[in-house]
Amino acid sequence: MTKEEEIRSRTRAAILKALGHPTRMFIIEKLHEKPHCVCELTEMIGADTSTVSKHLSVLKNAGLVVDSKEGTMVRYSLACTCIMEFIGCIENVIRNNLQRQLDYFT
């Protein structure tokens, strides 16, 4: 592996790692619908504000989420909506795996 390939692989892995938590996947889906503030996401998730803020920080550091101030409120939104295409691909993998399992039993 060349140095460039290693850097590219590490960078990709860091983004996938940021997505590798159920709460963060949920946040991505909700931000795809519309921008949200921490308080809204906290209510939807049912966790405390500091936990949701930490998840948002991980997503932001990975470049998946951006924030913008609206007066005293900070709203979060997706940096790249194309991430949903990737999530759609994951859904296809899940369907294919389930179909293989069903085929095994029929």
Protein backbone atom coordinates (compact mmCIF):
# COMPACT_ATOMS: atom_id res chain seq x y z
CA MET A 1 0.00 0.00 0.00
CA THR A 2 1.36 3.39 -0.94
CA LYS A 3 1.38 6.29 1.52
CA GLU A 4 -1.45 7.97 -0.41
CA GLU A 5 -3.54 4.78 -0.35
CA GLU A 6 -2.94 4.44 3.38
CA ILE A 7 -4.01 8.04 4.02
CA ARG A 8 -7.10 7.60 1.85
CA SER A 9 -8.01 4.34 3.63
CA ARG A 10 -7.52 5.87 7.09
CA THR A 11 -9.60 8.91 6.17
CA ARG A 12 -12.43 6.74 4.85
CA ALA A 13 -12.27 4.53 7.93
CA ALA A 14 -12.55 7.59 10.20
CA ILE A 15 -15.77 8.62 8.46
CA LEU A 16 -17.18 5.10 8.68
CA LYS A 17 -16.21 4.98 12.36
CA ALA A 18 -18.15 8.20 12.95
CA LEU A 19 -21.19 6.53 11.39
CA GLY A 20 -20.64 3.37 13.42
CA HIS A 21 -23.03 4.15 16.26
CA PRO A 22 -26.82 3.69 16.15
CA THR A 23 -27.49 7.12 17.65
CA ARG A 24 -25.29 8.83 15.08
CA MET A 25 -27.04 6.95 12.26
CA PHE A 26 -30.35 8.16 13.69
CA ILE A 27 -29.04 11.74 13.81
CA ILE A 28 -27.94 11.52 10.16
CA GLU A 29 -31.40 10.33 9.14
CA LYS A 30 -33.13 13.11 11.09
CA LEU A 31 -30.81 15.79 9.70
CA HIS A 32 -31.55 14.51 6.22
CA GLU A 33 -35.20 15.41 6.84
CA LYS A 34 -34.36 18.94 8.04
CA PRO A 35 -31.89 20.84 10.23
CA HIS A 36 -32.33 20.39 13.98
CA CYS A 37 -31.00 21.94 17.17
CA VAL A 38 -29.53 19.86 19.99
CA CYS A 39 -32.69 20.25 22.06
CA GLU A 40 -34.85 18.73 19.30
CA LEU A 41 -32.46 15.84 18.74
CA THR A 42 -32.19 15.26 22.50
CA GLU A 43 -35.95 14.93 22.75
CA MET A 44 -36.13 12.53 19.77
CA ILE A 45 -33.26 10.38 21.01
CA GLY A 46 -34.22 10.38 24.66
CA ALA A 47 -30.69 11.00 25.89
CA ASP A 48 -29.17 13.88 27.80
CA THR A 49 -27.95 16.97 25.98
CA SER A 50 -24.27 16.32 26.64
CA THR A 51 -24.49 12.86 25.04
CA VAL A 52 -26.23 14.21 21.94
CA SER A 53 -23.73 17.06 21.74
CA LYS A 54 -20.88 14.55 21.84
CA HIS A 55 -22.44 12.55 18.99
CA LEU A 56 -22.86 15.75 16.96
CA SER A 57 -19.24 16.65 17.65
CA VAL A 58 -18.07 13.27 16.30
CA LEU A 59 -20.17 13.74 13.16
CA LYS A 60 -18.98 17.31 12.75
CA ASN A 61 -15.30 16.36 13.16
CA ALA A 62 -15.77 13.70 10.48
CA GLY A 63 -17.13 16.37 8.12
CA LEU A 64 -20.62 14.86 7.96
CA VAL A 65 -22.47 17.61 9.84
CA VAL A 66 -22.23 21.39 9.87
CA ASP A 67 -23.75 23.90 12.26
CA SER A 68 -25.13 27.38 11.83
CA LYS A 69 -26.28 29.95 14.36
CA GLU A 70 -29.81 31.30 14.26
CA GLY A 71 -29.83 33.94 16.96
CA THR A 72 -28.92 32.08 20.14
CA MET A 73 -29.80 28.68 18.71
CA VAL A 74 -27.39 26.43 16.81
CA ARG A 75 -28.91 24.28 14.07
CA TYR A 76 -27.21 21.22 12.67
CA SER A 77 -27.55 19.96 9.13
CA LEU A 78 -25.88 17.46 6.83
CA ALA A 79 -22.70 18.66 5.15
CA CYS A 80 -23.27 16.24 2.24
CA THR A 81 -26.73 14.85 1.58
CA CYS A 82 -25.15 12.18 -0.63
CA ILE A 83 -24.42 10.24 2.57
CA MET A 84 -27.99 9.00 2.24
CA GLU A 85 -27.02 7.20 -0.98
CA PHE A 86 -24.43 5.30 1.04
CA ILE A 87 -27.05 4.48 3.67
CA GLY A 88 -29.30 3.27 0.86
CA CYS A 89 -26.49 0.96 -0.21
CA ILE A 90 -26.29 -0.38 3.34
CA GLU A 91 -30.03 -1.09 3.19
CA ASN A 92 -29.46 -3.06 -0.02
CA VAL A 93 -26.79 -5.15 1.69
CA ILE A 94 -29.22 -5.88 4.55
CA ARG A 95 -31.94 -6.93 2.08
CA ASN A 96 -29.51 -9.13 0.15
CA ASN A 97 -28.33 -10.80 3.35
CA LEU A 98 -31.89 -11.45 4.45
CA GLN A 99 -32.80 -12.86 1.05
CA ARG A 100 -29.82 -15.23 1.15
CA GLN A 101 -30.93 -16.42 4.57
CA LEU A 102 -34.49 -16.94 3.34
CA ASP A 103 -33.24 -18.79 0.27
CA TYR A 104 -31.26 -21.09 2.52
CA PHE A 105 -34.42 -22.18 4.32
CA THR A 106 -36.61 -22.64 1.25
